[in-house]
Amino acid sequence: MFVRVKKTGPYQYLQIVQNNREGNKVKQRIIGTLGRVDHLKNTSEIEGLIHKLSRFTNQATLVLNGFSQVNAQTISIGPALIFERIWKDLGLDKIISELAKTTKHEFNIERAVFLTVLHRLISSGSDRSCEKWKEDFSVVGSKELALQHLYRAMHFIGKELEDQQDCTPFSPRCIKDLIEEKLFDRRKDLFSGLDMVFFDTTSIYFEGSGGDTLGYLGHSKDHRPDLNQMIVGAVLNGKGEPICCELWPGYTADVTTLLPIADRMRKRFGVTRFCVVADRGMISKDTIEGLEKRDISYILGLRMRLQKPLAKSILSRGGRYSEVQPEGSTSEDPSPLKVKEVVIDGTRYINCLNQKQARKDVADRQAILESLEIKVQGSPKALVGNKGYKKYLTIQKDSFSINQEKIHDEARYDGKWILQTNTDLSAPEVALKYKELWRVERVFRDVKSILETRPVYHQLDENIRGHVFCSFLALVLRKELDNRLQKAGMNFEWDDIKRDLTALKEVTIFEDKVSFTIRTQSRGVCGKVFQATGVAMPPTVRQNN
């Protein structure tokens, strides 16, 4: 059935025509003549007819004219549809709802936490900005939430438990610990055990005081020693999946954290044997003795410049390097990692060499020395405060010269690092496992850069813990999405995922007592993300009740 214009003499008439097949022929039948085209254009009869007919079809057509009162509302639907599915699949909705039953809050804590986590994933920023952000995004249960509810949800997550058994010396047990433990219990069948645990720390600074017990001055990895900070530790399993995070006062030294974490892993998650992989800042004689005493395997980075005699002994040992090829690698790396095992007094050390990094270290040092030679001739006293220059200077009263012995000494370390381990893994396996520690570093880059957890403005310890933990939950969701995309053979940039999910919107059009919702076209990687997560794409058009 279609509309055609029939010309009769000097006039044109608008007709509705239907095609009917009779045998091998198609014949047309005139259903009706609506009238002369010139007369119809001067009236609103056509618009009225279309409006009435639209009520009998799901594919709505609304005509805007001078007599029609039409309103439209647009909202983004992609992010909530994807991450709501993952949130529920992980059981986080049930975990938080169950824990919230013990409170007397008159709002939905689980919805407030999910909204905050989704905001961190897609837009980042403060909880105050989240309250305004939610107006443009479709999140089930978010309309009833106000800023005070988000603050109270953060307070709930960071609230201390009455039972403080198995807490660390640095921080109390909180609701967030229960969430981590219950999440681990739900997912442990998916884990291939905790044979490998990656651990690292970073610092997050405060604009304010940083609460009663968290905000202190300490070694700032943000290069802001003037501001109070807190220490955040993250634990990942062998697949790079976040297991838990630790939140400590800003003065907590890295070297004191590894043993309490190891003890907590056993008590909290019921794992008996695992291998800890940690960076150089975690290593000390007491730490290694503690791990050995607890029968815990480890792969730890050696602090070469603080343990120079040992480092020089290891680096000077003879023997050939062997090349390391990562598992699944099909192409030959033009600059492969090389390793050499050294045993001293019964302790295994793995000497690692990255030739590409070695060339970079040489070039960086040469650039510094060329600049230093010029500056020494001018105003050398100004160089003393520059750490990059100072380490290559010899200072005697008012004379300054370049220390050639120091240059030679630094060249020993070009592209090299040393690992200490008590595992039975081969030298290449030890090196590859340690290289995977970058996953934890990526977690911290995400927390501090992408999710913009810092700076933190909350003033209460409970709210600060809740604020940071929501960023941790955001990383849990993102890693799960990465896993599903990888399983589907897809690899997309995170910025592309955020942009294309946010671009998927629904436009609801209201006219009189009738409303229709139209979904915008899926673009970029959006459709693939829906496919990988098993979420059905909403219909293009639907009529609302």
Protein backbone atom coordinates (compact mmCIF):
# COMPACT_ATOMS: atom_id res chain seq x y z
CA MET A 1 0.00 0.00 0.00
CA PHE A 2 1.31 3.40 -0.98
CA VAL A 3 0.36 7.01 -1.73
CA ARG A 4 0.45 8.47 -5.24
CA VAL A 5 -0.43 11.72 -6.98
CA LYS A 6 -2.91 11.36 -9.87
CA LYS A 7 -3.08 14.20 -12.40
CA THR A 8 -6.49 14.90 -13.89
CA GLY A 9 -6.67 17.93 -16.15
CA PRO A 10 -5.10 20.97 -14.45
CA TYR A 11 -5.40 19.43 -10.95
CA GLN A 12 -3.51 16.83 -8.90
CA TYR A 13 -5.26 14.41 -6.54
CA LEU A 14 -3.76 12.42 -3.62
CA GLN A 15 -4.75 8.73 -3.68
CA ILE A 16 -4.11 5.65 -1.50
CA VAL A 17 -3.37 2.67 -3.74
CA GLN A 18 -2.97 -1.04 -2.99
CA ASN A 19 -1.12 -3.60 -5.10
CA ASN A 20 -2.76 -7.05 -5.50
CA ARG A 21 -1.24 -10.04 -7.25
CA GLU A 22 -3.61 -11.99 -9.55
CA GLY A 23 -1.77 -14.93 -11.05
CA ASN A 24 1.39 -13.66 -12.65
CA LYS A 25 0.14 -10.07 -12.80
CA VAL A 26 0.00 -7.25 -10.26
CA LYS A 27 -3.07 -5.06 -10.37
CA GLN A 28 -3.59 -1.76 -8.55
CA ARG A 29 -6.72 -0.92 -6.62
CA ILE A 30 -7.57 2.60 -5.47
CA ILE A 31 -8.48 2.47 -1.77
CA GLY A 32 -9.53 6.10 -1.70
CA THR A 33 -8.90 9.61 -2.94
CA LEU A 34 -7.98 12.05 -0.19
CA GLY A 35 -8.60 15.18 -2.27
CA ARG A 36 -6.89 17.83 -4.33
CA VAL A 37 -3.23 18.33 -3.37
CA ASP A 38 -3.48 22.14 -3.40
CA HIS A 39 -6.44 22.07 -1.01
CA LEU A 40 -4.80 19.52 1.34
CA LYS A 41 -1.62 21.61 1.65
CA ASN A 42 -3.62 24.55 2.97
CA THR A 43 -5.25 22.52 5.79
CA SER A 44 -4.05 20.27 8.63
CA GLU A 45 -6.08 17.26 7.45
CA ILE A 46 -3.04 15.22 6.39
CA GLU A 47 -1.22 15.88 9.70
CA GLY A 48 -4.29 14.86 11.66
CA LEU A 49 -4.69 11.65 9.65
CA ILE A 50 -1.03 10.70 10.12
CA HIS A 51 -1.24 11.37 13.84
CA LYS A 52 -4.27 9.07 14.19
CA LEU A 53 -2.73 6.32 12.06
CA SER A 54 0.54 6.40 14.11
CA ARG A 55 -1.31 5.00 17.13
CA PHE A 56 -1.76 1.70 15.29
CA THR A 57 1.93 1.10 14.54
CA ASN A 58 5.07 0.45 16.61
CA GLN A 59 7.08 2.44 14.11
CA ALA A 60 5.78 5.83 15.20
CA THR A 61 5.80 8.92 13.03
CA LEU A 62 5.27 12.21 14.81
CA VAL A 63 4.69 15.24 12.68
CA LEU A 64 5.71 18.61 14.01
CA ASN A 65 3.35 21.38 13.04
CA GLY A 66 2.02 24.58 14.46
CA PHE A 67 -0.82 22.81 16.31
CA SER A 68 1.22 19.96 17.88
CA GLN A 69 2.81 20.23 21.36
CA VAL A 70 5.86 17.92 21.17
CA ASN A 71 8.62 17.51 23.81
CA ALA A 72 11.74 15.37 23.58
CA GLN A 73 14.11 13.97 26.19
CA THR A 74 17.52 12.37 25.51
CA ILE A 75 19.47 10.08 27.83
CA SER A 76 22.57 7.87 27.44
CA ILE A 77 21.85 4.15 27.93
CA GLY A 78 24.98 2.26 26.83
CA PRO A 79 27.23 2.37 29.93
CA ALA A 80 24.56 1.27 32.43
CA LEU A 81 23.32 -1.60 30.22
CA ILE A 82 26.80 -3.11 29.90
CA PHE A 83 28.13 -2.62 33.41
CA GLU A 84 24.82 -3.40 35.12
CA ARG A 85 25.04 -6.85 33.51
CA ILE A 86 28.62 -7.36 34.70
CA TRP A 87 27.76 -5.98 38.17
CA LYS A 88 24.97 -8.54 38.54
CA ASP A 89 26.96 -11.40 36.98
CA LEU A 90 29.66 -10.86 39.61
CA GLY A 91 27.00 -10.80 42.31
CA LEU A 92 27.97 -7.38 43.60
CA ASP A 93 24.33 -6.27 43.72
CA LYS A 94 23.44 -9.13 46.07
CA ILE A 95 26.61 -8.79 48.17
CA ILE A 96 26.10 -5.10 48.90
CA SER A 97 22.32 -5.41 49.35
CA GLU A 98 22.81 -8.22 51.86
CA LEU A 99 25.36 -6.24 53.87
CA ALA A 100 23.14 -3.14 53.76
CA LYS A 101 20.26 -5.00 55.42
CA THR A 102 21.92 -4.44 58.79
CA THR A 103 21.57 -0.67 58.40
CA LYS A 104 18.58 1.61 58.78
CA HIS A 105 19.16 3.73 55.71
CA GLU A 106 16.01 4.89 53.96
CA PHE A 107 17.63 4.80 50.50
CA ASN A 108 19.06 2.02 48.33
CA ILE A 109 22.75 1.76 49.23
CA GLU A 110 23.48 -0.76 46.48
CA ARG A 111 22.13 1.63 43.82
CA ALA A 112 24.18 4.52 45.25
CA VAL A 113 27.36 2.43 45.15
CA PHE A 114 26.72 1.22 41.59
CA LEU A 115 26.01 4.77 40.42
CA THR A 116 29.27 5.98 41.96
CA VAL A 117 31.26 3.11 40.43
CA LEU A 118 29.73 3.69 36.98
CA HIS A 119 30.51 7.39 37.22
CA ARG A 120 34.16 6.59 38.00
CA LEU A 121 34.33 4.31 34.96
CA ILE A 122 32.78 6.63 32.41
CA SER A 123 33.38 10.18 33.55
CA SER A 124 35.41 10.21 36.81
CA GLY A 125 35.45 13.13 39.20
CA SER A 126 34.03 13.83 42.63
CA ASP A 127 30.83 12.48 44.18
CA ARG A 128 29.41 16.00 43.87
CA SER A 129 29.88 15.89 40.09
CA CYS A 130 28.28 12.44 40.04
CA GLU A 131 24.99 13.90 41.28
CA LYS A 132 24.76 16.12 38.19
CA TRP A 133 26.23 13.53 35.82
CA LYS A 134 23.47 11.02 36.53
CA GLU A 135 20.83 13.32 35.00
CA ASP A 136 22.18 12.52 31.52
CA PHE A 137 22.54 8.74 32.04
CA SER A 138 19.98 6.01 32.43
CA VAL A 139 20.75 4.13 35.66
CA VAL A 140 18.01 2.11 37.30
CA GLY A 141 17.14 3.52 40.72
CA SER A 142 19.27 6.66 40.40
CA LYS A 143 16.46 9.23 40.20
CA GLU A 144 15.74 8.92 43.92
CA LEU A 145 19.40 9.46 44.90
CA ALA A 146 20.72 12.81 46.10
CA LEU A 147 24.27 13.91 46.96
CA GLN A 148 23.78 13.12 50.66
CA HIS A 149 22.93 9.52 49.71
CA LEU A 150 26.20 9.14 47.80
CA TYR A 151 28.16 10.47 50.80
CA ARG A 152 26.35 8.11 53.16
CA ALA A 153 27.00 5.17 50.84
CA MET A 154 30.73 5.97 50.90
CA HIS A 155 30.55 6.15 54.70
CA PHE A 156 28.84 2.74 54.81
CA ILE A 157 31.57 1.07 52.71
CA GLY A 158 34.36 2.51 54.85
CA LYS A 159 32.68 1.80 58.17
CA GLU A 160 34.76 -0.14 60.71
CA LEU A 161 33.56 -3.59 61.77
CA GLU A 162 33.06 -4.54 65.39
CA ASP A 163 35.17 -7.67 64.86
CA GLN A 164 38.72 -6.47 64.24
CA GLN A 165 40.35 -9.90 64.21
CA ASP A 166 42.92 -10.32 61.42
CA CYS A 167 43.22 -6.58 60.74
CA THR A 168 46.59 -5.19 59.68
CA PRO A 169 48.74 -3.07 62.02
CA PHE A 170 48.00 -0.11 59.76
CA SER A 171 44.22 -0.08 59.29
CA PRO A 172 40.99 -1.55 60.70
CA ARG A 173 38.71 -4.12 59.05
CA CYS A 174 35.80 -2.41 57.29
CA ILE A 175 32.69 -3.21 55.26
CA LYS A 176 34.81 -2.98 52.13
CA ASP A 177 36.81 -6.00 53.35
CA LEU A 178 33.62 -8.06 53.59
CA ILE A 179 32.70 -7.07 50.03
CA GLU A 180 36.12 -8.22 48.78
CA GLU A 181 35.91 -11.52 50.64
CA LYS A 182 32.37 -12.31 49.51
CA LEU A 183 33.26 -11.39 45.93
CA PHE A 184 36.29 -13.69 46.09
CA ASP A 185 34.12 -16.55 47.39
CA ARG A 186 31.69 -16.10 44.49
CA ARG A 187 34.48 -16.04 41.92
CA LYS A 188 36.96 -18.55 43.34
CA ASP A 189 35.66 -21.31 41.07
CA LEU A 190 36.67 -19.08 38.15
CA PHE A 191 40.18 -18.56 39.53
CA SER A 192 42.81 -21.17 38.78
CA GLY A 193 43.92 -20.86 42.40
CA LEU A 194 46.11 -18.09 43.78
CA ASP A 195 49.39 -19.61 42.71
CA MET A 196 50.68 -16.13 41.90
CA VAL A 197 49.88 -12.85 43.71
CA PHE A 198 51.08 -9.44 42.49
CA PHE A 199 51.35 -6.63 45.01
CA ASP A 200 52.38 -3.00 44.83
CA THR A 201 51.56 0.32 46.48
CA THR A 202 51.15 3.96 45.58
CA SER A 203 50.27 7.20 47.32
CA ILE A 204 47.19 9.41 46.89
CA TYR A 205 47.30 12.93 48.24
CA PHE A 206 44.57 15.04 49.86
CA GLU A 207 43.56 18.63 49.36
CA GLY A 208 42.30 18.65 52.97
CA SER A 209 43.62 17.02 56.11
CA GLY A 210 42.84 13.49 54.97
CA GLY A 211 40.66 12.26 57.80
CA ASP A 212 41.58 11.38 61.35
CA THR A 213 43.98 8.49 60.75
CA LEU A 214 44.75 8.32 57.00
CA GLY A 215 46.20 11.71 56.08
CA TYR A 216 49.90 12.04 56.95
CA LEU A 217 53.04 13.33 55.33
CA GLY A 218 55.24 10.61 53.86
CA HIS A 219 57.25 9.56 50.82
CA SER A 220 55.07 10.95 48.02
CA LYS A 221 55.05 9.04 44.74
CA ASP A 222 53.04 11.97 43.34
CA HIS A 223 55.96 14.34 44.06
CA ARG A 224 53.77 16.34 46.46
CA PRO A 225 55.64 16.04 49.79
CA ASP A 226 53.85 19.18 50.99
CA LEU A 227 50.41 17.48 51.14
CA ASN A 228 49.00 14.84 53.44
CA GLN A 229 48.55 11.50 51.71
CA MET A 230 47.38 7.91 52.13
CA ILE A 231 48.96 4.69 50.89
CA VAL A 232 46.95 2.37 48.64
CA GLY A 233 48.04 -1.21 48.07
CA ALA A 234 46.54 -3.45 45.38
CA VAL A 235 46.63 -7.25 45.13
CA LEU A 236 46.03 -8.99 41.78
CA ASN A 237 45.92 -12.66 40.91
CA GLY A 238 47.96 -14.31 38.16
CA LYS A 239 45.45 -13.24 35.51
CA GLY A 240 45.66 -9.60 36.51
CA GLU A 241 42.24 -9.61 38.18
CA PRO A 242 41.97 -7.31 41.24
CA ILE A 243 41.42 -9.27 44.46
CA CYS A 244 41.59 -6.62 47.16
CA CYS A 245 43.01 -3.23 48.06
CA GLU A 246 44.57 -1.98 51.28
CA LEU A 247 44.20 1.60 52.55
CA TRP A 248 46.84 2.80 55.01
CA PRO A 249 48.07 6.04 56.65
CA GLY A 250 50.40 8.16 54.54
CA TYR A 251 53.51 7.44 56.61
CA THR A 252 53.37 3.66 56.00
CA ALA A 253 56.64 2.44 54.47
CA ASP A 254 56.43 -0.04 51.58
CA VAL A 255 58.98 -2.34 53.18
CA THR A 256 56.68 -2.92 56.18
CA THR A 257 53.57 -3.89 54.21
CA LEU A 258 54.39 -7.16 52.45
CA LEU A 259 54.31 -9.51 55.45
CA PRO A 260 50.96 -8.25 56.80
CA ILE A 261 49.51 -8.61 53.29
CA ALA A 262 50.80 -12.18 53.04
CA ASP A 263 49.28 -13.05 56.42
CA ARG A 264 45.97 -11.43 55.48
CA MET A 265 45.79 -13.34 52.19
CA ARG A 266 45.78 -16.63 54.06
CA LYS A 267 43.32 -15.57 56.73
CA ARG A 268 40.89 -13.65 54.52
CA PHE A 269 40.76 -15.89 51.45
CA GLY A 270 41.69 -19.29 52.83
CA VAL A 271 44.68 -19.82 50.53
CA THR A 272 47.64 -21.66 51.98
CA ARG A 273 50.31 -21.65 49.27
CA PHE A 274 51.00 -18.85 46.82
CA CYS A 275 53.89 -16.88 45.36
CA VAL A 276 54.23 -13.15 46.05
CA VAL A 277 55.59 -10.96 43.26
CA ALA A 278 56.57 -7.48 44.44
CA ASP A 279 58.78 -4.55 43.46
CA ARG A 280 62.11 -3.43 44.89
CA GLY A 281 60.55 -1.21 47.54
CA MET A 282 59.14 -4.25 49.34
CA ILE A 283 62.40 -6.08 49.89
CA SER A 284 64.41 -6.16 53.10
CA LYS A 285 66.28 -8.77 55.10
CA ASP A 286 63.46 -9.00 57.63
CA THR A 287 60.84 -9.31 54.88
CA ILE A 288 62.64 -12.18 53.18
CA GLU A 289 63.20 -13.97 56.48
CA GLY A 290 59.52 -13.50 57.31
CA LEU A 291 58.38 -14.98 53.99
CA GLU A 292 60.75 -17.92 54.38
CA LYS A 293 59.47 -18.53 57.91
CA ARG A 294 55.88 -18.53 56.62
CA ASP A 295 56.80 -20.93 53.78
CA ILE A 296 55.66 -18.37 51.20
CA SER A 297 57.31 -18.32 47.77
CA TYR A 298 58.43 -14.97 46.41
CA ILE A 299 59.85 -13.14 43.42
CA LEU A 300 61.25 -9.80 44.57
CA GLY A 301 63.20 -7.06 42.87
CA LEU A 302 66.63 -6.35 44.34
CA ARG A 303 67.42 -2.74 45.27
CA MET A 304 70.67 -2.67 43.33
CA ARG A 305 71.92 0.78 44.26
CA LEU A 306 71.20 0.23 47.97
CA GLN A 307 72.84 -3.20 47.93
CA LYS A 308 75.81 -2.34 45.74
CA PRO A 309 78.28 -5.02 46.91
CA LEU A 310 75.74 -7.79 46.30
CA ALA A 311 74.57 -6.26 43.03
CA LYS A 312 78.12 -5.89 41.71
CA SER A 313 78.90 -9.47 42.67
CA ILE A 314 75.85 -10.72 40.77
CA LEU A 315 76.43 -8.53 37.72
CA SER A 316 80.09 -9.51 37.48
CA ARG A 317 79.45 -13.28 37.50
CA GLY A 318 80.30 -15.05 34.26
CA GLY A 319 77.99 -17.13 32.16
CA ARG A 320 75.85 -16.69 29.07
CA TYR A 321 72.51 -14.95 28.91
CA SER A 322 69.57 -16.88 27.53
CA GLU A 323 66.78 -15.21 25.59
CA VAL A 324 63.24 -15.16 26.97
CA GLN A 325 60.22 -15.53 24.69
CA PRO A 326 56.82 -14.88 26.30
CA GLU A 327 54.32 -17.73 26.12
CA GLY A 328 52.28 -17.57 22.93
CA SER A 329 54.78 -15.29 21.21
CA THR A 330 54.99 -16.00 17.47
CA SER A 331 57.25 -13.22 16.25
CA GLU A 332 60.90 -12.82 17.12
CA ASP A 333 61.55 -9.78 19.27
CA PRO A 334 64.42 -7.72 17.79
CA SER A 335 65.41 -6.83 21.37
CA PRO A 336 64.42 -9.80 23.54
CA LEU A 337 64.72 -9.96 27.30
CA LYS A 338 67.80 -11.89 28.39
CA VAL A 339 68.33 -13.65 31.72
CA LYS A 340 71.16 -15.32 33.60
CA GLU A 341 70.86 -17.23 36.89
CA VAL A 342 73.36 -16.64 39.69
CA VAL A 343 73.47 -18.54 43.00
CA ILE A 344 75.23 -16.96 45.98
CA ASP A 345 75.24 -18.64 49.39
CA GLY A 346 72.34 -20.85 48.34
CA THR A 347 70.15 -17.91 47.24
CA ARG A 348 68.89 -17.71 43.64
CA TYR A 349 69.26 -14.41 41.79
CA ILE A 350 68.12 -13.76 38.23
CA ASN A 351 70.14 -11.17 36.31
CA CYS A 352 67.83 -9.62 33.68
CA LEU A 353 68.91 -7.54 30.69
CA ASN A 354 66.66 -5.51 28.39
CA GLN A 355 68.89 -4.30 25.54
CA LYS A 356 66.35 -1.77 24.29
CA GLN A 357 66.17 -0.21 27.76
CA ALA A 358 69.98 -0.35 27.97
CA ARG A 359 70.30 1.73 24.80
CA LYS A 360 67.80 4.24 26.20
CA ASP A 361 69.72 4.48 29.49
CA VAL A 362 72.95 5.15 27.60
CA ALA A 363 71.32 7.85 25.44
CA ASP A 364 69.66 9.54 28.45
CA ARG A 365 72.93 9.61 30.39
CA GLN A 366 74.86 10.95 27.41
CA ALA A 367 72.33 13.78 26.99
CA ILE A 368 72.73 14.71 30.66
CA LEU A 369 76.54 14.65 30.44
CA GLU A 370 76.64 16.81 27.31
CA SER A 371 74.45 19.38 29.03
CA LEU A 372 76.47 19.08 32.25
CA GLU A 373 79.79 19.78 30.51
CA ILE A 374 78.43 23.10 29.28
CA LYS A 375 76.85 24.10 32.58
CA VAL A 376 79.95 23.27 34.64
CA GLN A 377 81.83 25.92 32.69
CA GLY A 378 79.20 28.52 33.58
CA SER A 379 77.49 28.54 36.97
CA PRO A 380 78.15 25.11 38.52
CA LYS A 381 76.74 25.97 41.97
CA ALA A 382 73.23 26.00 40.48
CA LEU A 383 73.67 22.31 39.57
CA VAL A 384 73.89 21.08 43.17
CA GLY A 385 70.11 21.08 43.64
CA ASN A 386 69.51 19.09 40.45
CA LYS A 387 69.50 15.36 41.25
CA GLY A 388 70.04 14.39 37.62
CA TYR A 389 73.24 16.43 37.48
CA LYS A 390 74.45 16.12 41.07
CA LYS A 391 75.07 12.38 40.98
CA TYR A 392 77.68 12.87 38.24
CA LEU A 393 79.51 15.72 40.00
CA THR A 394 82.56 15.70 42.22
CA ILE A 395 82.43 18.68 44.61
CA GLN A 396 85.58 19.91 46.37
CA LYS A 397 85.18 23.25 48.11
CA ASP A 398 84.38 25.63 45.24
CA SER A 399 85.53 23.34 42.43
CA PHE A 400 83.22 21.12 40.41
CA SER A 401 84.16 18.33 38.03
CA ILE A 402 82.47 15.43 36.29
CA ASN A 403 82.96 12.16 38.16
CA GLN A 404 84.11 9.64 35.56
CA GLU A 405 84.11 6.81 38.10
CA LYS A 406 80.42 7.46 38.82
CA ILE A 407 79.65 7.37 35.09
CA HIS A 408 81.38 4.02 34.77
CA ASP A 409 79.53 2.74 37.85
CA GLU A 410 76.12 3.79 36.51
CA ALA A 411 76.85 2.08 33.18
CA ARG A 412 76.85 -1.25 35.03
CA TYR A 413 73.09 -0.94 35.55
CA ASP A 414 72.05 0.00 32.00
CA GLY A 415 68.93 -1.99 31.10
CA LYS A 416 69.47 -4.40 33.99
CA TRP A 417 67.57 -5.48 37.04
CA ILE A 418 68.04 -8.31 39.51
CA LEU A 419 65.41 -10.61 40.98
CA GLN A 420 65.65 -12.70 44.12
CA THR A 421 63.48 -15.82 44.39
CA ASN A 422 63.01 -19.02 46.37
CA THR A 423 60.76 -20.64 43.76
CA ASP A 424 61.48 -23.68 41.60
CA LEU A 425 60.60 -21.74 38.46
CA SER A 426 63.21 -21.48 35.72
CA ALA A 427 65.05 -18.20 35.27
CA PRO A 428 62.97 -17.22 32.18
CA GLU A 429 59.74 -18.03 34.06
CA VAL A 430 60.81 -15.90 37.02
CA ALA A 431 61.61 -12.95 34.75
CA LEU A 432 58.31 -13.19 32.88
CA LYS A 433 56.31 -13.41 36.10
CA TYR A 434 58.03 -10.31 37.44
CA LYS A 435 57.34 -8.43 34.21
CA GLU A 436 53.64 -9.08 34.77
CA LEU A 437 53.87 -6.77 37.78
CA TRP A 438 53.10 -3.98 35.27
CA ARG A 439 49.46 -5.02 35.66
CA VAL A 440 49.47 -3.60 39.17
CA GLU A 441 51.19 -0.45 37.94
CA ARG A 442 48.46 -0.15 35.31
CA VAL A 443 45.85 -0.46 38.07
CA PHE A 444 47.37 2.54 39.82
CA ARG A 445 47.58 4.52 36.59
CA ASP A 446 43.89 3.83 36.09
CA VAL A 447 43.00 4.76 39.66
CA LYS A 448 44.97 7.99 39.64
CA SER A 449 44.74 9.14 36.04
CA ILE A 450 41.79 7.62 34.21
CA LEU A 451 39.45 7.42 37.21
CA GLU A 452 40.87 10.56 38.81
CA THR A 453 40.52 9.25 42.35
CA ARG A 454 42.86 12.03 43.40
CA PRO A 455 42.65 14.59 44.78
CA VAL A 456 40.37 13.42 47.57
CA TYR A 457 38.24 16.07 49.30
CA HIS A 458 36.41 13.90 51.88
CA GLN A 459 37.22 14.68 55.52
CA LEU A 460 36.13 11.47 57.28
CA ASP A 461 38.15 8.24 57.24
CA GLU A 462 35.05 6.20 56.39
CA ASN A 463 34.15 8.37 53.40
CA ILE A 464 37.74 8.38 52.13
CA ARG A 465 37.94 4.59 52.28
CA GLY A 466 34.59 4.31 50.48
CA HIS A 467 35.66 6.84 47.84
CA VAL A 468 38.86 4.95 46.96
CA PHE A 469 37.20 1.54 47.15
CA CYS A 470 34.62 2.57 44.54
CA SER A 471 37.52 3.18 42.18
CA PHE A 472 38.75 -0.32 42.99
CA LEU A 473 35.30 -1.77 42.16
CA ALA A 474 35.36 0.19 38.91
CA LEU A 475 38.60 -1.58 38.03
CA VAL A 476 37.02 -4.95 38.86
CA LEU A 477 34.24 -4.23 36.35
CA ARG A 478 36.63 -2.96 33.71
CA LYS A 479 38.87 -6.02 34.03
CA GLU A 480 35.85 -8.32 33.71
CA LEU A 481 34.82 -6.49 30.54
CA ASP A 482 38.38 -6.87 29.22
CA ASN A 483 38.18 -10.61 29.91
CA ARG A 484 34.91 -10.95 27.98
CA LEU A 485 36.21 -8.95 25.05
CA GLN A 486 39.39 -11.01 24.95
CA LYS A 487 37.38 -14.23 25.06
CA ALA A 488 35.39 -12.97 22.05
CA GLY A 489 38.61 -12.18 20.20
CA MET A 490 38.16 -8.40 20.51
CA ASN A 491 40.64 -5.77 21.63
CA PHE A 492 39.46 -2.15 21.85
CA GLU A 493 40.89 1.02 23.35
CA TRP A 494 39.21 1.99 26.61
CA ASP A 495 38.57 5.55 25.39
CA ASP A 496 36.77 4.16 22.33
CA ILE A 497 34.60 1.92 24.51
CA LYS A 498 33.59 4.80 26.78
CA ARG A 499 32.88 7.16 23.90
CA ASP A 500 30.79 4.72 21.85
CA LEU A 501 28.80 3.38 24.82
CA THR A 502 28.03 6.93 25.94
CA ALA A 503 26.93 7.84 22.40
CA LEU A 504 24.19 5.19 22.49
CA LYS A 505 21.15 7.18 23.56
CA GLU A 506 17.40 6.97 23.72
CA VAL A 507 15.24 9.90 22.62
CA THR A 508 11.75 9.91 24.14
CA ILE A 509 9.20 12.07 22.29
CA PHE A 510 6.05 13.20 24.03
CA GLU A 511 3.00 14.45 22.08
CA ASP A 512 -0.26 14.95 23.90
CA LYS A 513 -0.76 11.72 25.89
CA VAL A 514 1.35 9.58 23.59
CA SER A 515 5.12 8.96 23.89
CA PHE A 516 7.58 7.02 21.79
CA THR A 517 11.21 6.14 22.50
CA ILE A 518 13.70 6.01 19.65
CA ARG A 519 17.18 4.50 20.08
CA THR A 520 20.07 6.14 18.26
CA GLN A 521 22.20 4.10 15.92
CA SER A 522 25.00 2.01 17.43
CA ARG A 523 28.37 3.29 16.30
CA GLY A 524 32.02 2.31 16.53
CA VAL A 525 32.76 -0.56 18.91
CA CYS A 526 29.47 -0.27 20.80
CA GLY A 527 27.70 -3.17 19.07
CA LYS A 528 30.69 -5.47 19.55
CA VAL A 529 30.79 -4.69 23.28
CA PHE A 530 27.09 -5.57 23.57
CA GLN A 531 27.76 -8.80 21.71
CA ALA A 532 30.75 -9.77 23.90
CA THR A 533 28.83 -9.17 27.14
CA GLY A 534 25.65 -10.91 25.98
CA VAL A 535 23.47 -7.82 26.37
CA ALA A 536 20.60 -7.40 23.92
CA MET A 537 20.46 -4.13 22.03
CA PRO A 538 17.22 -2.22 22.84
CA PRO A 539 14.66 -1.91 19.99
CA THR A 540 15.00 1.00 17.60
CA VAL A 541 11.49 2.29 18.33
CA ARG A 542 8.99 1.44 21.03
CA GLN A 543 5.70 2.93 22.11
CA ASN A 544 5.44 3.65 25.84
CA ASN A 545 2.36 2.91 27.90
